[in-house]
Every structure is written in C-alpha cells, then in structure tokens.
C-alpha cells in the first residue's frame, strides 16, 4: 500500500513517462456533484483499494475493470480521480488516442508498459480516457495487435494485487465486445446527464465559487431550464456569467448576467449585424408566430425568450424550455411540430407567398423528422407500430408510410394557419413589441398576451 509519504507522491504531483502519467490527486467524492446514484455503485471499489487483503481473505474478487460510459461532460474523469483520491492511491492516466499505432507494434508495447508500471505501483488505478480510441472493434491488423495486448493484460493481472482498471467513453457501442465481457471489464456504469436535483447541486456548487450580488440566489428556475445540460455545460454557464460581470465592470454577478450566459449557451454570442427594416419586420413576425403558437398550444414547451437580435449563426430565435427529461408524448411531438411550422406560416400570412424567406429550411426539416418519428418509430399514427424501417418495407407499405407522414404534416400546417388567422391581432401585438424592444422574456410575452386573450 502506498502512503502519502511515499516518494512517488512527494517528489512530484505528476510524472510524465511516455503516453501516460502518474498523478497524485486530491479529488474526493465531495467534489463530485449531480451523480449521487453513480457514487453508490463505486464505494466498494474504494474499500477494496484501501484494504485488498480483506477481500482476498474472504475469497472475493472485486471487479477487475470498470467502464464509465455516458454523454460528454458528465464527470467520468472526475469520478475516476475521486476514486483514487478517496483511496489515496496513484492515478495512472492515459488517453485512448495515445495508443494509436503510428508504427506497427508501438500501441501494443505502450499497453504492456502501462500495466508493468501499474504492477510496480499497486495498489493503484489505471484510467484510460476516450477508451474507444484504444479498444474499438478490431479491423486493421495493427489496431488488432493493440486490442489483443490489452486483452492479454486484463486477463493476466491478479485482482488481489490491488490494481483497478477504469476506462471511460462516450461511444460504448464502438468498443470491441471482447474487451467488455465479464472477467475483463466486469462492471459497466452509466454516468448520465444530471437530473433536476443533480443540476441544482452542480449549479449551487459553482455559484458558491463566484461573487454573487444575491448570495441567496435560487437555482431552481435555472435548473429547471437546463434539461439536457451536462455538468460541464452548467459550469460553463456560471463561468460565462462571471466573465460578463467582469466585462461590464460590475462588483458582483447579477441574475441578469446568469440569464444572458444561459441564453448565449443556447443560441450563441450576440453579434453585431444591422438588419434592414423589411428584414427586421419579417424576423419579428417569424418569431412572434412561433411564440404565439407556443403560448396557445397545449403541451408546447414554455418560452424562455424571443429575440430579433442576431446570435451565433441565427438572425433571430425563440428559446423554449421544459421538455420532459426521460420521454415525450405524442401530444408534445405534435406541439413541437406546430411551433416549428409557425414561423414560416406567419411570414406567409403577413407578407405573402412571394416574400417568404429561406429561414424555415431547418424548421421544415425538423417537422419532417418529427412526422417520421411519429409514424416509423413511436407508432403514434393511424398505421400503429410498424416494427421496421422504411427501407425494409415493400413498395405498397412505403407508399402508405409516405402518405401518413404527408397527412400529419398537412394537418399541422392547417392547425397553425387557423390559429394564427384567428389570433392575428395578438400576432401583430407581439411583433410590434419585438420591433420596439428586440428581446422579450417568456414572462413578458405572457403578460403582453394575457389581457388580449382574456378579452
């Protein structure tokens, strides 16, 4: 067992040797936020690293290898470091790409050297990031040598030696099946995107590190708005808010800074681009159409803001929030399609068919993809569940599928056209407000429409 007094820890916090390095890590489980369910799964690993003899005496075998898989930015590397930090053992880090074979045999030699180092430092953790770069399905003979060497090493070291092999990937499906079979990598742990409570903890953790105007800032709304954000993305939002405060020479970060940072994370940074008057009018009606249909359509997502200020690669946009975290209903898919059609239909109603723009290309693509999802994947159409892709069907069935997709699209267009015609005054009200203020929050849009809709 290596104590903190061992020279490997005290001489240097990081020793570069070839494509991998031995690192002393002070990261603890208390530094990992938003993935509590994953922490419970790996507590046994830490206990084993601290006292492997206890398990050997009982004849128990700890998982030889662990694979952490999930979307980018969910904390897989941080989690591996925390295991090493809790157990006070060396952390041997390498990137999967560092085992790419420039010359035949180099990759397999590096794998051999990695495990030889681990044998000398045991108990320790070997951690391979981007594991798919090292252990992808075998194709070329040179890559096969590297994978074969890895298999040999995983089979060769004894579990009682106190070596735990941990790897992480965003692409588990690309891994060679032989690598992740039981006996080599025994434990596969999904590290998912944080849920609502997880996002609250992550946001609070990073807010505690910056100077806030309101120390009691409630993270609930922001956490609810950031469905689908990884821990890394949440950290970036808070960091960007602090940067905005510095650029504006403020004494502390305000709620407005946080809102602007969140908006930039969704749509990109504001860019200086002056629109001609007619183009500005078109953009205002385009986004007002989407906003109005979002408000009037049951099951549509809530509006975060609408703006005609160019951001990123868009001239204008409506940001919506509130999609279900785990599943989506047929009604929600239809609402999403209706909102996507609304911009183009509002343009056509206000400016005529000859003056509509190409802005709706991506929206049309989204509508078609949703209609395909309803028919081919979800079984949310009159054809029921089909159980196969379109390409696997006969000509007659393909025609029926195409006709069903066309019906769904036309019905959506008809619903939106009627809705916007019936609420033409509300559409003009929103467009005028956007032309005057350029950006409206969801709350401002709701308040603007409240009196009009009530009458």
Protein backbone atom coordinates (compact mmCIF):
# COMPACT_ATOMS: atom_id res chain seq x y z
CA UNK A 1 0.00 0.00 0.00
CA UNK A 2 1.33 3.44 -0.93
CA UNK A 3 1.01 6.08 1.73
CA UNK A 4 1.09 9.82 1.15
CA UNK A 5 4.69 9.78 2.42
CA UNK A 6 5.84 7.56 -0.43
CA UNK A 7 8.35 9.36 -2.72
CA UNK A 8 6.12 8.69 -5.70
CA UNK A 9 3.68 11.13 -4.14
CA UNK A 10 6.05 13.64 -2.62
CA UNK A 11 8.64 14.14 -5.37
CA UNK A 12 6.17 15.35 -7.97
CA UNK A 13 2.44 15.61 -8.37
CA UNK A 14 2.78 14.44 -11.96
CA UNK A 15 5.47 12.37 -13.60
CA UNK A 16 5.31 12.22 -17.39
CA UNK A 17 6.52 8.93 -18.77
CA UNK A 18 5.66 8.22 -22.36
CA UNK A 19 1.99 8.44 -23.22
CA UNK A 20 0.82 8.17 -19.61
CA UNK A 21 1.48 9.85 -16.30
CA UNK A 22 1.31 9.04 -12.61
CA UNK A 23 -0.67 11.69 -10.79
CA UNK A 24 -1.32 12.48 -7.17
CA UNK A 25 -4.96 13.51 -6.91
CA UNK A 26 -6.68 15.22 -4.01
CA UNK A 27 -10.10 14.91 -5.63
CA UNK A 28 -12.75 13.47 -3.30
CA UNK A 29 -16.29 12.25 -3.68
CA UNK A 30 -17.37 15.57 -2.14
CA UNK A 31 -16.08 17.24 -5.32
CA UNK A 32 -18.42 15.15 -7.48
CA UNK A 33 -21.93 16.60 -7.78
CA UNK A 34 -25.14 15.62 -9.50
CA UNK A 35 -24.47 11.88 -9.95
CA UNK A 36 -25.13 10.51 -6.47
CA UNK A 37 -26.57 7.26 -7.82
CA UNK A 38 -23.25 6.52 -9.54
CA UNK A 39 -21.23 7.23 -6.39
CA UNK A 40 -23.11 4.48 -4.53
CA UNK A 41 -22.05 1.96 -7.18
CA UNK A 42 -18.33 2.59 -6.74
CA UNK A 43 -17.94 2.83 -2.98
CA UNK A 44 -16.92 -0.84 -2.86
CA UNK A 45 -14.03 -0.13 -5.24
CA UNK A 46 -12.57 2.40 -2.82
CA UNK A 47 -12.87 -0.02 0.08
CA UNK A 48 -11.05 -2.65 -1.94
CA UNK A 49 -8.21 -0.30 -2.81
CA UNK A 50 -7.82 0.69 0.84
CA UNK A 51 -7.80 -2.91 2.11
CA UNK A 52 -7.49 -5.53 -0.67
CA UNK A 53 -6.43 -8.20 1.84
CA UNK A 54 -9.87 -8.12 3.45
CA UNK A 55 -11.47 -9.23 0.20
CA UNK A 56 -8.71 -11.75 -0.60
CA UNK A 57 -9.19 -13.40 2.81
CA UNK A 58 -12.86 -13.92 2.02
CA UNK A 59 -12.08 -15.20 -1.47
CA UNK A 60 -13.98 -12.32 -3.02
CA UNK A 61 -12.96 -10.79 -6.33
CA UNK A 62 -13.51 -7.10 -6.88
CA UNK A 63 -14.40 -6.05 -10.44
CA UNK A 64 -11.19 -6.28 -12.46
CA UNK A 65 -12.23 -3.45 -14.73
CA UNK A 66 -14.85 -0.71 -14.72
CA UNK A 67 -16.25 1.12 -17.73
CA UNK A 68 -17.79 4.55 -17.17
CA UNK A 69 -19.89 5.46 -20.18
CA UNK A 70 -22.27 8.28 -20.99
CA UNK A 71 -22.55 11.65 -22.72
CA UNK A 72 -19.60 14.08 -22.78
CA UNK A 73 -19.14 16.36 -19.78
CA UNK A 74 -20.94 14.24 -17.19
CA UNK A 75 -17.94 13.86 -14.88
CA UNK A 76 -16.47 10.48 -15.79
CA UNK A 77 -12.84 11.60 -15.45
CA UNK A 78 -13.61 13.49 -12.24
CA UNK A 79 -15.25 10.35 -10.85
CA UNK A 80 -12.20 8.21 -11.61
CA UNK A 81 -9.93 10.76 -9.93
CA UNK A 82 -12.22 10.81 -6.90
CA UNK A 83 -11.89 7.04 -6.51
CA UNK A 84 -8.09 7.39 -6.45
CA UNK A 85 -8.28 10.40 -4.14
CA UNK A 86 -10.53 8.66 -1.63
CA UNK A 87 -8.29 5.58 -1.58
CA UNK A 88 -5.03 7.61 -1.56
CA UNK A 89 -3.54 5.53 -4.37
CA UNK A 90 -1.63 6.53 -7.51
CA UNK A 91 -3.70 7.53 -10.51
CA UNK A 92 -2.17 6.43 -13.82
CA UNK A 93 -3.79 8.44 -16.60
CA UNK A 94 -3.64 7.90 -20.35
CA UNK A 95 -5.76 8.92 -23.32
CA UNK A 96 -7.00 6.20 -25.62
CA UNK A 97 -5.71 8.13 -28.62
CA UNK A 98 -2.14 7.87 -27.29
CA UNK A 99 -2.20 4.17 -28.17
CA UNK A 100 -2.83 4.81 -31.86
CA UNK A 101 -0.31 2.92 -33.91
CA UNK A 102 1.92 5.17 -35.99
CA UNK A 103 4.29 2.23 -36.33
CA UNK A 104 3.20 -1.38 -36.09
CA UNK A 105 3.73 -2.70 -32.59
CA UNK A 106 4.01 0.69 -30.85
CA UNK A 107 0.47 0.60 -29.46
CA UNK A 108 0.79 -2.90 -28.02
CA UNK A 109 4.17 -2.03 -26.50
CA UNK A 110 2.64 1.01 -24.78
CA UNK A 111 -0.15 -1.17 -23.37
CA UNK A 112 2.45 -3.57 -21.98
CA UNK A 113 4.43 -0.69 -20.42
CA UNK A 114 1.29 0.74 -18.85
CA UNK A 115 0.46 -2.47 -16.99
CA UNK A 116 4.09 -3.01 -15.98
CA UNK A 117 4.04 0.40 -14.32
CA UNK A 118 0.77 -0.46 -12.58
CA UNK A 119 2.29 -3.66 -11.18
CA UNK A 120 5.08 -1.62 -9.60
CA UNK A 121 2.72 0.96 -8.10
CA UNK A 122 -0.05 -1.36 -6.89
CA UNK A 123 -2.42 -0.70 -5.29
CA UNK A 124 -3.33 1.89 -7.94
CA UNK A 125 -5.82 2.91 -10.57
CA UNK A 126 -5.24 2.77 -14.30
CA UNK A 127 -7.53 5.22 -16.05
CA UNK A 128 -7.98 5.38 -19.82
CA UNK A 129 -9.97 8.32 -21.14
CA UNK A 130 -11.58 8.12 -24.59
CA UNK A 131 -11.33 4.34 -24.36
CA UNK A 132 -12.89 3.87 -27.81
CA UNK A 133 -9.66 5.27 -29.27
CA UNK A 134 -7.79 2.33 -27.76
CA UNK A 135 -10.28 -0.55 -27.73
CA UNK A 136 -12.52 -0.02 -30.74
CA UNK A 137 -13.73 -3.04 -32.68
CA UNK A 138 -10.83 -4.73 -34.42
CA UNK A 139 -10.44 -4.00 -38.09
CA UNK A 140 -6.88 -3.32 -39.19
CA UNK A 141 -4.16 -5.78 -38.19
CA UNK A 142 -2.12 -3.07 -36.44
CA UNK A 143 -5.05 -1.95 -34.29
CA UNK A 144 -5.83 -5.59 -33.58
CA UNK A 145 -2.37 -6.02 -32.04
CA UNK A 146 -3.12 -3.23 -29.54
CA UNK A 147 -6.50 -4.70 -28.58
CA UNK A 148 -5.05 -8.19 -28.30
CA UNK A 149 -2.34 -6.92 -25.96
CA UNK A 150 -4.96 -5.16 -23.83
CA UNK A 151 -6.97 -8.39 -23.59
CA UNK A 152 -3.86 -10.27 -22.56
CA UNK A 153 -3.03 -7.74 -19.85
CA UNK A 154 -6.57 -7.67 -18.48
CA UNK A 155 -6.53 -11.46 -18.29
CA UNK A 156 -3.07 -11.50 -16.75
CA UNK A 157 -3.10 -9.32 -13.68
CA UNK A 158 -4.49 -10.73 -10.46
CA UNK A 159 -7.39 -9.00 -8.77
CA UNK A 160 -5.72 -9.44 -5.39
CA UNK A 161 -2.82 -7.21 -6.48
CA UNK A 162 -4.86 -4.07 -5.88
CA UNK A 163 -4.96 -2.79 -9.45
CA UNK A 164 -8.27 -1.43 -10.70
CA UNK A 165 -8.63 -0.68 -14.41
CA UNK A 166 -11.09 2.14 -15.15
CA UNK A 167 -11.95 3.39 -18.62
CA UNK A 168 -14.43 5.94 -19.91
CA UNK A 169 -16.09 6.52 -23.26
CA UNK A 170 -18.89 8.45 -24.93
CA UNK A 171 -19.24 5.66 -27.51
CA UNK A 172 -19.71 2.32 -25.77
CA UNK A 173 -21.22 0.81 -28.91
CA UNK A 174 -17.88 1.21 -30.73
CA UNK A 175 -15.92 -0.92 -28.25
CA UNK A 176 -14.69 -4.39 -29.11
CA UNK A 177 -17.10 -6.86 -27.39
CA UNK A 178 -14.19 -8.98 -26.18
CA UNK A 179 -12.87 -6.11 -24.08
CA UNK A 180 -16.02 -5.50 -22.09
CA UNK A 181 -17.02 -9.08 -21.39
CA UNK A 182 -17.15 -10.26 -17.73
CA UNK A 183 -13.75 -11.27 -16.44
CA UNK A 184 -12.06 -8.32 -18.11
CA UNK A 185 -14.25 -5.30 -17.57
CA UNK A 186 -16.86 -6.65 -15.16
CA UNK A 187 -18.73 -3.51 -14.24
CA UNK A 188 -20.34 -1.16 -16.75
CA UNK A 189 -21.60 2.03 -15.11
CA UNK A 190 -23.73 4.56 -16.96
CA UNK A 191 -22.86 8.14 -15.99
CA UNK A 192 -25.95 10.02 -17.22
CA UNK A 193 -26.76 13.66 -17.65
CA UNK A 194 -27.81 15.12 -14.28
CA UNK A 195 -31.47 15.18 -13.35
CA UNK A 196 -33.21 18.18 -11.79
CA UNK A 197 -31.81 17.64 -8.30
CA UNK A 198 -28.39 16.91 -9.75
CA UNK A 199 -28.41 20.15 -11.74
CA UNK A 200 -29.38 22.10 -8.64
CA UNK A 201 -26.39 20.68 -6.74
CA UNK A 202 -23.99 21.32 -9.61
CA UNK A 203 -25.18 24.89 -10.15
CA UNK A 204 -25.03 25.64 -6.43
CA UNK A 205 -21.50 24.22 -6.26
CA UNK A 206 -20.25 26.56 -9.00
CA UNK A 207 -22.27 29.56 -7.78
CA UNK A 208 -20.52 29.21 -4.42
CA UNK A 209 -17.24 29.87 -6.21
CA UNK A 210 -18.20 33.25 -7.70
CA UNK A 211 -19.13 36.60 -6.19
CA UNK A 212 -22.92 36.93 -6.34
CA UNK A 213 -24.92 40.11 -5.88
CA UNK A 214 -27.58 37.97 -4.19
CA UNK A 215 -25.94 35.23 -2.09
CA UNK A 216 -29.37 33.60 -1.71
CA UNK A 217 -29.89 33.23 -5.46
CA UNK A 218 -32.43 30.44 -6.06
CA UNK A 219 -31.11 27.93 -8.61
CA UNK A 220 -34.47 26.18 -9.05
CA UNK A 221 -35.58 28.06 -12.17
CA UNK A 222 -32.22 27.75 -13.90
CA UNK A 223 -32.03 24.05 -13.01
CA UNK A 224 -35.50 23.51 -14.50
CA UNK A 225 -34.47 25.37 -17.65
CA UNK A 226 -31.31 23.39 -18.28
CA UNK A 227 -32.73 19.95 -19.08
CA UNK A 228 -30.15 18.05 -21.11
CA UNK A 229 -27.18 20.09 -19.86
CA UNK A 230 -24.12 18.22 -18.68
CA UNK A 231 -22.15 19.20 -15.60
CA UNK A 232 -19.51 20.76 -17.85
CA UNK A 233 -22.12 22.86 -19.63
CA UNK A 234 -23.60 24.06 -16.33
CA UNK A 235 -20.12 25.03 -15.13
CA UNK A 236 -19.62 26.96 -18.37
CA UNK A 237 -22.87 28.90 -17.88
CA UNK A 238 -21.82 30.09 -14.42
CA UNK A 239 -18.28 30.87 -15.57
CA UNK A 240 -19.60 32.86 -18.53
CA UNK A 241 -21.88 34.83 -16.18
CA UNK A 242 -18.81 35.79 -14.12
CA UNK A 243 -16.96 36.83 -17.28
CA UNK A 244 -19.87 39.03 -18.37
CA UNK A 245 -19.84 40.72 -14.96
CA UNK A 246 -16.10 41.45 -15.30
CA UNK A 247 -16.52 42.82 -18.83
CA UNK A 248 -19.26 45.15 -17.59
CA UNK A 249 -17.03 46.19 -14.66
CA UNK A 250 -19.64 45.17 -12.10
CA UNK A 251 -18.89 44.44 -8.46
CA UNK A 252 -20.73 41.11 -8.48
CA UNK A 253 -22.60 38.68 -10.73
CA UNK A 254 -26.28 39.51 -11.09
CA UNK A 255 -29.28 37.42 -12.12
CA UNK A 256 -29.19 39.20 -15.49
CA UNK A 257 -25.61 38.03 -16.08
CA UNK A 258 -26.66 34.44 -15.39
CA UNK A 259 -29.69 34.73 -17.70
CA UNK A 260 -27.56 36.20 -20.50
CA UNK A 261 -24.94 33.48 -20.05
CA UNK A 262 -27.64 30.81 -20.27
CA UNK A 263 -29.07 32.44 -23.39
CA UNK A 264 -25.62 32.51 -25.01
CA UNK A 265 -25.13 28.83 -24.21
CA UNK A 266 -28.30 28.03 -26.18
CA UNK A 267 -28.11 30.42 -29.11
CA UNK A 268 -24.55 31.69 -29.25
CA UNK A 269 -23.00 35.08 -28.58
CA UNK A 270 -24.66 38.26 -29.78
CA UNK A 271 -23.10 39.54 -32.97
CA UNK A 272 -23.21 42.99 -34.50
CA UNK A 273 -25.46 42.81 -37.55
CA UNK A 274 -27.85 45.54 -38.55
CA UNK A 275 -30.93 44.20 -40.32
CA UNK A 276 -32.75 46.22 -42.98
CA UNK A 277 -36.19 47.44 -41.90
CA UNK A 278 -38.14 44.94 -44.03
CA UNK A 279 -35.92 42.07 -42.90
CA UNK A 280 -36.36 43.14 -39.29
CA UNK A 281 -40.14 43.15 -39.77
CA UNK A 282 -40.03 39.66 -41.26
CA UNK A 283 -37.90 38.34 -38.39
CA UNK A 284 -40.26 39.91 -35.84
CA UNK A 285 -43.32 38.21 -37.35
CA UNK A 286 -41.45 34.95 -37.84
CA UNK A 287 -40.51 34.70 -34.16
CA UNK A 288 -43.84 36.13 -32.99
CA UNK A 289 -45.61 33.35 -34.86
CA UNK A 290 -43.57 30.74 -33.04
CA UNK A 291 -44.04 32.45 -29.68
CA UNK A 292 -47.79 32.83 -30.13
CA UNK A 293 -48.29 29.20 -31.14
CA UNK A 294 -46.14 28.11 -28.18
CA UNK A 295 -48.43 30.03 -25.82
CA UNK A 296 -51.69 28.85 -27.40
CA UNK A 297 -50.81 25.18 -27.96
CA UNK A 298 -51.33 22.74 -25.09
CA UNK A 299 -48.25 20.60 -24.40
CA UNK A 300 -45.90 23.07 -26.13
CA UNK A 301 -42.66 23.91 -24.39
CA UNK A 302 -42.50 27.10 -22.29
CA UNK A 303 -40.85 30.18 -23.80
CA UNK A 304 -37.60 31.35 -22.25
CA UNK A 305 -37.22 34.33 -24.55
CA UNK A 306 -37.82 35.60 -28.09
CA UNK A 307 -35.35 37.93 -29.79
CA UNK A 308 -34.61 39.50 -33.17
CA UNK A 309 -31.03 40.23 -32.14
CA UNK A 310 -28.63 38.00 -34.13
CA UNK A 311 -26.87 35.35 -32.02
CA UNK A 312 -24.32 32.83 -33.25
CA UNK A 313 -25.40 31.74 -36.74
CA UNK A 314 -29.05 32.78 -36.32
CA UNK A 315 -30.66 36.11 -37.18
CA UNK A 316 -33.39 35.63 -34.57
CA UNK A 317 -34.82 32.90 -32.41
CA UNK A 318 -37.34 31.76 -29.82
CA UNK A 319 -35.78 29.80 -26.98
CA UNK A 320 -38.04 27.27 -25.32
CA UNK A 321 -37.54 25.14 -22.21
CA UNK A 322 -39.31 22.44 -20.25
CA UNK A 323 -39.09 19.27 -22.36
CA UNK A 324 -39.57 16.05 -20.44
CA UNK A 325 -36.28 14.61 -19.18
CA UNK A 326 -36.99 10.97 -19.93
CA UNK A 327 -39.76 10.63 -22.51
CA UNK A 328 -42.00 12.65 -24.78
CA UNK A 329 -45.69 12.17 -25.56
CA UNK A 330 -47.45 12.17 -28.90
CA UNK A 331 -49.13 15.47 -27.97
CA UNK A 332 -45.75 17.05 -27.20
CA UNK A 333 -44.34 15.92 -30.55
CA UNK A 334 -47.32 17.40 -32.41
CA UNK A 335 -46.93 20.64 -30.45
CA UNK A 336 -43.23 20.79 -31.31
CA UNK A 337 -44.09 20.35 -34.98
CA UNK A 338 -46.76 23.06 -34.84
CA UNK A 339 -44.36 25.55 -33.29
CA UNK A 340 -41.73 24.73 -35.92
CA UNK A 341 -44.21 25.44 -38.74
CA UNK A 342 -45.43 28.68 -37.13
CA UNK A 343 -42.62 31.00 -38.25
CA UNK A 344 -42.98 30.28 -41.96
CA UNK A 345 -46.79 30.39 -41.84
CA UNK A 346 -46.71 33.75 -40.02
CA UNK A 347 -44.38 35.11 -42.72
CA UNK A 348 -46.71 33.94 -45.46
CA UNK A 349 -49.82 35.36 -43.81
CA UNK A 350 -48.26 38.79 -43.23
CA UNK A 351 -46.05 39.29 -46.28
CA UNK A 352 -47.44 36.95 -48.95
CA UNK A 353 -46.03 33.81 -50.54
CA UNK A 354 -43.66 35.77 -52.81
CA UNK A 355 -41.90 37.36 -49.83
CA UNK A 356 -41.29 34.38 -47.56
CA UNK A 357 -37.64 33.70 -46.76
CA UNK A 358 -35.38 30.66 -46.60
CA UNK A 359 -35.25 30.90 -42.78
CA UNK A 360 -37.64 27.99 -42.43
CA UNK A 361 -35.40 25.36 -44.07
CA UNK A 362 -34.24 23.92 -40.74
CA UNK A 363 -37.73 24.20 -39.28
CA UNK A 364 -39.18 22.23 -42.20
CA UNK A 365 -36.54 19.55 -41.72
CA UNK A 366 -37.43 19.35 -38.02
CA UNK A 367 -41.14 19.00 -38.87
CA UNK A 368 -40.44 16.18 -41.34
CA UNK A 369 -38.20 14.39 -38.82
CA UNK A 370 -40.92 14.63 -36.16
CA UNK A 371 -43.55 13.26 -38.56
CA UNK A 372 -41.22 10.35 -39.42
CA UNK A 373 -40.70 9.72 -35.70
CA UNK A 374 -44.45 9.63 -35.14
CA UNK A 375 -45.03 7.13 -37.94
CA UNK A 376 -41.91 4.95 -38.10
CA UNK A 377 -40.51 4.84 -34.58
CA UNK A 378 -43.13 5.71 -31.99
CA UNK A 379 -46.21 4.12 -33.51
CA UNK A 380 -48.13 7.38 -32.96
CA UNK A 381 -50.08 7.27 -36.22
CA UNK A 382 -53.08 5.52 -37.76
CA UNK A 383 -50.73 2.80 -39.05
CA UNK A 384 -49.84 1.77 -35.49
CA UNK A 385 -46.46 0.34 -34.54
CA UNK A 386 -44.62 -0.84 -37.65
CA UNK A 387 -41.58 -2.52 -36.13
CA UNK A 388 -39.25 -1.98 -39.11
CA UNK A 389 -37.52 0.79 -41.01
CA UNK A 390 -38.99 2.20 -44.21
CA UNK A 391 -36.23 0.64 -46.33
CA UNK A 392 -37.22 -2.85 -45.13
CA UNK A 393 -40.82 -2.42 -46.30
CA UNK A 394 -42.41 -3.29 -49.60
CA UNK A 395 -43.41 -0.63 -52.12
CA UNK A 396 -47.06 -0.58 -51.07
CA UNK A 397 -46.23 -0.15 -47.39
CA UNK A 398 -43.70 2.57 -48.19
CA UNK A 399 -46.44 4.47 -50.05
CA UNK A 400 -48.74 4.14 -47.03
CA UNK A 401 -45.98 5.42 -44.74
CA UNK A 402 -45.28 8.39 -47.02
CA UNK A 403 -48.97 9.21 -47.22
CA UNK A 404 -49.28 9.09 -43.42
CA UNK A 405 -46.28 11.39 -42.96
CA UNK A 406 -47.79 13.78 -45.53
CA UNK A 407 -51.16 13.72 -43.72
CA UNK A 408 -49.56 14.56 -40.36
CA UNK A 409 -47.58 17.45 -41.88
CA UNK A 410 -50.60 18.93 -43.67
CA UNK A 411 -52.79 18.67 -40.57
CA UNK A 412 -50.14 20.50 -38.55
CA UNK A 413 -49.91 23.26 -41.16
CA UNK A 414 -53.70 23.61 -41.20
CA UNK A 415 -53.87 23.85 -37.37
CA UNK A 416 -51.21 26.53 -37.24
CA UNK A 417 -52.69 28.54 -40.13
CA UNK A 418 -56.10 28.62 -38.45
CA UNK A 419 -54.59 29.50 -35.08
CA UNK A 420 -52.61 32.45 -36.47
CA UNK A 421 -55.54 33.72 -38.54
CA UNK A 422 -57.84 33.56 -35.51
CA UNK A 423 -55.27 35.45 -33.40
CA UNK A 424 -53.99 37.90 -35.98
CA UNK A 425 -54.21 40.85 -33.56
CA UNK A 426 -52.13 39.04 -30.94
CA UNK A 427 -49.56 38.22 -33.63
CA UNK A 428 -49.25 41.90 -34.56
CA UNK A 429 -49.05 42.88 -30.88
CA UNK A 430 -46.11 40.55 -30.28
CA UNK A 431 -44.33 41.62 -33.48
CA UNK A 432 -44.66 45.31 -32.60
CA UNK A 433 -43.29 44.64 -29.12
CA UNK A 434 -40.31 42.73 -30.57
CA UNK A 435 -39.58 45.52 -33.04
CA UNK A 436 -39.62 48.02 -30.19
CA UNK A 437 -37.68 46.05 -27.53
CA UNK A 438 -35.83 43.48 -29.71
CA UNK A 439 -35.89 40.86 -26.91
CA UNK A 440 -38.84 39.65 -24.82
CA UNK A 441 -38.68 37.18 -21.95
CA UNK A 442 -41.25 34.41 -21.64
CA UNK A 443 -42.83 36.28 -18.75
CA UNK A 444 -43.11 39.49 -20.78
CA UNK A 445 -44.73 37.60 -23.66
CA UNK A 446 -47.27 36.01 -21.34
CA UNK A 447 -48.10 39.37 -19.75
CA UNK A 448 -48.46 41.05 -23.16
CA UNK A 449 -50.91 38.44 -24.36
CA UNK A 450 -52.85 37.99 -21.12
CA UNK A 451 -55.25 40.94 -21.49
CA UNK A 452 -55.74 40.40 -25.21
CA UNK A 453 -56.52 36.72 -24.85
CA UNK A 454 -58.80 37.37 -21.88
CA UNK A 455 -60.95 39.71 -23.97
